[in-house]
C-alpha cells in the first residue's frame, strides 16, 4: 500500500500504539526489530514516541503512568466525529472507557470497549491522519479482535451496527473467523478486508481477556522471530504458513503481544 496522509473511512484501522513500562527500552527493541526511528511528542499528556519507517509514521510507543494499566498493543479506528461515535458505542452495547479528549493539534481520541470487553481507540484526525505507511515491511498490516464464544453474537452485532461492516465468514468450518470490510465496499473480499473477529478457543488460558491483536508486515517471518528473541522477546506461537503468508506471534521484552506477517513470495 502506498504512503498516505489522507483520513480513512470511519471504522478503518488508522493507528496502533503500545503502552510500555520502559519507553526507552521499547525504542531499542522495536528500533532494531523493525528498523524504526522515533520522535518524541510534546503534545501528549504522557511521554510518547512516534515511530517512523522510511521517514513515514507507522506506530507509537507510550510510557505507562500506572502499573495497573496493561502492557499491550492497541489499535485505533478512524472516526468522523469522535464525540458522536463514542455516544453510539454506548447505544449499541459497548462501553466508553475514556471520553473524547484532544491531543494537541493532531486530533481527538477516545478509548472504548466492545460487549466482550475488547478495548480499542477512536481517532478523529485533524493534522495527523494516522498511518503514513502500512501493508509494507516495517508497518501495520492487519488487526483482529479475539472474543469469547459466549460473546460472539453480541460482538458481531456491535461492530456491524456501529460501523456498517460488510462481513463474510471463512469457508473453513474448523475456524470461527469473520472478516470485516468497510461499509463502502462493493462486497466483502480479501481485497477489501480491513480486519476481523476471531474466537478465544480452549487452547488459550481461561483468564485471557478479549483483546485486539496487531500485525506488522516483515520481509521474513523467521528472521523477525529470531531477532525478537535475541532482543529479549518471546515467541508465543512459532511461525506457521497460511494462504495469506507466514505468521508468528511474539511478546516483546516488556510483555506486549503482537504478530508478524510475511506475505507469500512471488513465484
Protein backbone atom coordinates (compact mmCIF):
# COMPACT_ATOMS: atom_id res chain seq x y z
CA UNK A 1 0.00 0.00 0.00
CA UNK A 2 1.33 3.41 -0.89
CA UNK A 3 2.15 6.07 1.66
CA UNK A 4 -0.86 8.19 2.55
CA UNK A 5 -1.70 11.17 4.71
CA UNK A 6 -5.44 11.06 3.92
CA UNK A 7 -8.02 10.47 6.65
CA UNK A 8 -9.53 6.98 6.48
CA UNK A 9 -13.15 5.95 6.30
CA UNK A 10 -14.87 5.61 9.67
CA UNK A 11 -14.21 2.23 11.28
CA UNK A 12 -10.98 1.64 9.37
CA UNK A 13 -7.82 0.97 11.42
CA UNK A 14 -5.74 4.12 11.28
CA UNK A 15 -3.20 3.88 14.12
CA UNK A 16 -1.57 1.49 16.61
CA UNK A 17 0.46 2.12 19.71
CA UNK A 18 1.88 0.22 22.67
CA UNK A 19 1.70 1.09 26.35
CA UNK A 20 5.05 0.11 27.90
CA UNK A 21 6.67 0.39 31.35
CA UNK A 22 10.01 1.49 29.83
CA UNK A 23 9.69 3.75 26.81
CA UNK A 24 13.41 3.84 26.02
CA UNK A 25 13.65 0.04 26.14
CA UNK A 26 10.71 -0.09 23.75
CA UNK A 27 12.50 2.20 21.32
CA UNK A 28 15.55 -0.06 21.38
CA UNK A 29 13.51 -3.25 20.86
CA UNK A 30 11.32 -2.03 18.01
CA UNK A 31 14.02 0.14 16.52
CA UNK A 32 16.16 -2.92 15.92
CA UNK A 33 13.31 -5.30 15.11
CA UNK A 34 11.56 -3.15 12.51
CA UNK A 35 14.20 -0.53 11.73
CA UNK A 36 12.04 2.22 13.24
CA UNK A 37 13.28 5.66 14.19
CA UNK A 38 11.48 7.79 16.76
CA UNK A 39 10.46 11.35 17.52
CA UNK A 40 9.21 12.29 20.99
CA UNK A 41 5.92 14.19 21.15
CA UNK A 42 5.40 17.40 23.07
CA UNK A 43 1.59 17.32 22.63
CA UNK A 44 0.65 14.18 24.56
CA UNK A 45 -0.17 14.06 28.31
CA UNK A 46 2.28 11.16 28.83
CA UNK A 47 5.74 10.55 27.31
CA UNK A 48 5.06 9.36 23.76
CA UNK A 49 7.32 8.42 20.86
CA UNK A 50 6.09 8.31 17.27
CA UNK A 51 7.75 5.59 15.19
CA UNK A 52 8.81 6.14 11.59
CA UNK A 53 9.73 3.72 8.83
CA UNK A 54 11.35 5.18 5.74
CA UNK A 55 10.52 8.58 7.20
CA UNK A 56 6.78 7.82 7.41
CA UNK A 57 4.63 7.49 10.54
CA UNK A 58 3.83 3.86 11.36
CA UNK A 59 3.06 3.50 15.11
CA UNK A 60 3.56 4.93 18.57
CA UNK A 61 5.02 3.92 21.93
CA UNK A 62 3.67 5.41 25.17
CA UNK A 63 5.06 5.28 28.70
CA UNK A 64 2.67 3.72 31.21
CA UNK A 65 1.92 6.06 34.10
CA UNK A 66 0.07 3.46 36.18
CA UNK A 67 1.29 -0.08 36.80
CA UNK A 68 -2.30 -1.35 36.74
CA UNK A 69 -2.57 -0.48 33.05
CA UNK A 70 -1.91 -3.36 30.65
CA UNK A 71 1.35 -3.63 28.77
CA UNK A 72 -0.18 -4.07 25.34
CA UNK A 73 -0.52 -3.00 21.74
CA UNK A 74 -3.76 -1.23 20.89
CA UNK A 75 -5.46 -0.28 17.64
CA UNK A 76 -7.40 2.88 16.77
CA UNK A 77 -10.12 3.20 14.16
CA UNK A 78 -10.99 6.34 12.25
CA UNK A 79 -13.89 8.46 13.48
CA UNK A 80 -15.54 11.28 11.57
CA UNK A 81 -16.76 12.68 14.91
CA UNK A 82 -15.26 11.05 17.99
CA UNK A 83 -17.85 12.52 20.38
CA UNK A 84 -20.79 11.27 18.32
CA UNK A 85 -19.16 7.88 17.69
CA UNK A 86 -18.41 7.38 21.41
CA UNK A 87 -22.07 8.04 22.15
CA UNK A 88 -23.10 5.45 19.55
CA UNK A 89 -20.73 2.91 21.13
CA UNK A 90 -22.83 3.00 24.29
CA UNK A 91 -26.10 2.92 22.35
CA UNK A 92 -25.16 -0.36 20.62
CA UNK A 93 -23.90 -2.21 23.69
CA UNK A 94 -20.31 -1.06 24.15
CA UNK A 95 -18.67 0.98 26.87
CA UNK A 96 -16.73 4.25 26.85
CA UNK A 97 -13.58 3.96 28.95
CA UNK A 98 -12.02 7.37 28.24
CA UNK A 99 -14.20 10.17 26.96
CA UNK A 100 -13.01 12.00 23.84
CA UNK A 101 -10.05 14.29 24.51
CA UNK A 102 -7.99 16.50 22.25
CA UNK A 103 -4.35 15.55 21.56
CA UNK A 104 -2.83 18.92 20.74
CA UNK A 105 -3.44 19.81 17.12
CA UNK A 106 -3.21 16.17 15.97
CA UNK A 107 -6.79 15.08 16.61
CA UNK A 108 -9.31 13.81 19.14
CA UNK A 109 -9.17 10.36 20.72
CA UNK A 110 -11.24 8.13 22.99
CA UNK A 111 -10.96 4.59 24.33
CA UNK A 112 -13.96 2.28 24.15
CA UNK A 113 -14.74 -1.40 24.66
CA UNK A 114 -16.97 -3.80 22.77
CA UNK A 115 -19.59 -6.02 24.53
CA UNK A 116 -16.96 -8.73 25.07
CA UNK A 117 -14.58 -6.30 26.76
CA UNK A 118 -12.01 -5.81 23.98
CA UNK A 119 -10.63 -2.26 24.09
CA UNK A 120 -9.88 -0.14 21.05
CA UNK A 121 -9.39 3.52 20.31
CA UNK A 122 -11.24 6.09 18.24
CA UNK A 123 -9.25 8.68 16.30
CA UNK A 124 -10.73 11.82 14.77
CA UNK A 125 -7.93 13.14 12.63
CA UNK A 126 -7.07 16.81 12.42
CA UNK A 127 -3.44 17.49 11.49
CA UNK A 128 -2.43 13.80 11.76
CA UNK A 129 -4.48 11.22 9.88
CA UNK A 130 -2.59 8.25 11.34
CA UNK A 131 -0.57 5.73 9.36
CA UNK A 132 1.51 7.22 6.56
CA UNK A 133 2.77 3.77 5.62
CA UNK A 134 1.03 0.41 6.06
CA UNK A 135 0.91 -3.00 4.49
CA UNK A 136 4.63 -2.93 3.74
CA UNK A 137 7.53 -4.32 5.79
CA UNK A 138 8.03 -2.37 8.98
CA UNK A 139 4.42 -1.20 9.26
CA UNK A 140 0.94 -2.21 10.41
CA UNK A 141 -0.83 -4.64 8.08
CA UNK A 142 -3.80 -6.24 9.90
CA UNK A 143 -5.78 -6.49 13.12
CA UNK A 144 -8.41 -8.83 14.56
CA UNK A 145 -10.41 -8.93 17.75
CA UNK A 146 -10.42 -12.08 19.88
CA UNK A 147 -13.58 -12.62 21.90
CA UNK A 148 -15.14 -15.43 23.93
CA UNK A 149 -17.63 -17.71 22.16
CA UNK A 150 -20.35 -16.66 24.61
CA UNK A 151 -19.95 -13.02 23.48
CA UNK A 152 -19.51 -13.67 19.76
CA UNK A 153 -23.04 -12.84 18.62
CA UNK A 154 -23.18 -9.61 20.61
CA UNK A 155 -19.70 -8.61 19.40
CA UNK A 156 -20.57 -9.29 15.77
CA UNK A 157 -23.74 -7.23 16.05
CA UNK A 158 -21.83 -4.42 17.77
CA UNK A 159 -19.24 -3.88 15.02
CA UNK A 160 -21.66 -4.43 12.17
CA UNK A 161 -24.13 -1.94 13.64
CA UNK A 162 -21.56 0.63 14.75
CA UNK A 163 -19.51 0.73 11.55
CA UNK A 164 -21.75 -0.95 8.99
CA UNK A 165 -19.07 -3.51 8.22
CA UNK A 166 -19.80 -5.89 5.38
CA UNK A 167 -18.79 -9.36 6.55
CA UNK A 168 -18.07 -12.88 5.43
CA UNK A 169 -17.09 -15.99 7.37
CA UNK A 170 -14.12 -18.11 6.34
CA UNK A 171 -15.04 -21.18 4.31
CA UNK A 172 -13.09 -23.48 6.65
CA UNK A 173 -15.70 -24.81 9.15
CA UNK A 174 -12.96 -25.58 11.67
CA UNK A 175 -12.09 -21.88 12.00
CA UNK A 176 -14.59 -19.45 13.52
CA UNK A 177 -13.43 -16.22 11.89
CA UNK A 178 -15.44 -13.33 10.45
CA UNK A 179 -13.75 -10.93 8.01
CA UNK A 180 -14.67 -7.23 8.01
CA UNK A 181 -14.81 -4.95 5.00
CA UNK A 182 -15.84 -1.28 5.13
CA UNK A 183 -19.45 -0.26 4.56
CA UNK A 184 -18.37 1.33 1.27
CA UNK A 185 -17.05 -1.95 -0.15
CA UNK A 186 -18.96 -3.35 -3.12
CA UNK A 187 -18.65 -6.76 -1.49
CA UNK A 188 -16.64 -8.32 1.37
CA UNK A 189 -13.49 -9.89 -0.04
CA UNK A 190 -9.77 -10.33 0.59
CA UNK A 191 -9.16 -7.18 -1.44
CA UNK A 192 -11.44 -5.02 0.70
CA UNK A 193 -10.81 -6.64 4.11
CA UNK A 194 -9.62 -4.35 6.92
CA UNK A 195 -9.76 -6.71 9.94
CA UNK A 196 -11.76 -9.43 11.53
CA UNK A 197 -13.21 -11.25 14.52
CA UNK A 198 -11.80 -14.47 15.93
CA UNK A 199 -12.77 -16.55 18.97
CA UNK A 200 -10.69 -17.31 22.06
CA UNK A 201 -10.67 -21.09 22.00
CA UNK A 202 -9.81 -23.79 24.51
CA UNK A 203 -6.12 -23.54 23.60
CA UNK A 204 -5.94 -20.10 25.26
CA UNK A 205 -5.70 -19.56 29.03
CA UNK A 206 -9.08 -19.30 30.73
CA UNK A 207 -8.14 -15.91 32.19
CA UNK A 208 -7.23 -14.36 28.82
CA UNK A 209 -9.40 -11.27 28.26
CA UNK A 210 -10.93 -10.26 24.95
CA UNK A 211 -8.40 -8.21 23.00
CA UNK A 212 -7.21 -6.91 19.65
CA UNK A 213 -4.10 -8.41 18.06
CA UNK A 214 -2.00 -6.09 15.91
CA UNK A 215 0.03 -7.45 12.97
CA UNK A 216 3.14 -5.91 11.44
CA UNK A 217 4.44 -6.77 7.98
CA UNK A 218 8.00 -8.10 7.70
CA UNK A 219 10.20 -9.33 4.86
CA UNK A 220 10.99 -12.65 6.56
CA UNK A 221 8.91 -14.05 9.41
CA UNK A 222 11.56 -16.43 10.73
CA UNK A 223 14.24 -13.74 10.72
CA UNK A 224 11.92 -11.39 12.60
CA UNK A 225 11.25 -14.06 15.22
CA UNK A 226 14.96 -14.75 15.68
CA UNK A 227 15.66 -11.03 16.09
CA UNK A 228 12.84 -10.59 18.60
CA UNK A 229 14.16 -13.49 20.70
CA UNK A 230 17.70 -12.11 20.57
CA UNK A 231 16.34 -8.77 21.84
CA UNK A 232 14.63 -10.43 24.81
CA UNK A 233 11.22 -11.14 23.31
CA UNK A 234 9.38 -14.44 23.49
CA UNK A 235 7.66 -16.47 20.80
CA UNK A 236 4.12 -17.44 21.81
CA UNK A 237 3.29 -19.15 18.51
CA UNK A 238 6.05 -20.37 16.22
CA UNK A 239 5.99 -19.37 12.54
CA UNK A 240 3.29 -21.11 10.52
CA UNK A 241 2.09 -20.82 6.95
CA UNK A 242 -1.33 -19.57 5.87
CA UNK A 243 -2.80 -18.66 2.48
CA UNK A 244 -2.05 -15.04 3.39
CA UNK A 245 1.59 -15.53 4.35
CA UNK A 246 3.81 -16.80 7.15
CA UNK A 247 2.76 -15.66 10.63
CA UNK A 248 4.21 -15.76 14.13
CA UNK A 249 3.01 -14.42 17.48
CA UNK A 250 5.54 -12.63 19.67
CA UNK A 251 5.63 -10.97 23.08
CA UNK A 252 8.17 -8.17 23.33
CA UNK A 253 10.73 -7.84 26.11
CA UNK A 254 8.21 -5.99 28.30
CA UNK A 255 5.18 -8.23 27.72
CA UNK A 256 3.27 -6.58 24.85
CA UNK A 257 1.93 -9.13 22.36
CA UNK A 258 1.83 -8.65 18.58
CA UNK A 259 2.08 -10.68 15.39
CA UNK A 260 4.35 -10.52 12.35
CA UNK A 261 3.31 -11.47 8.83
CA UNK A 262 5.47 -12.08 5.77
CA UNK A 263 3.38 -12.15 2.63
CA UNK A 264 3.91 -15.07 0.23
CA UNK A 265 6.82 -14.50 -2.10
CA UNK A 266 6.04 -14.17 -5.78
CA UNK A 267 6.77 -17.34 -7.73
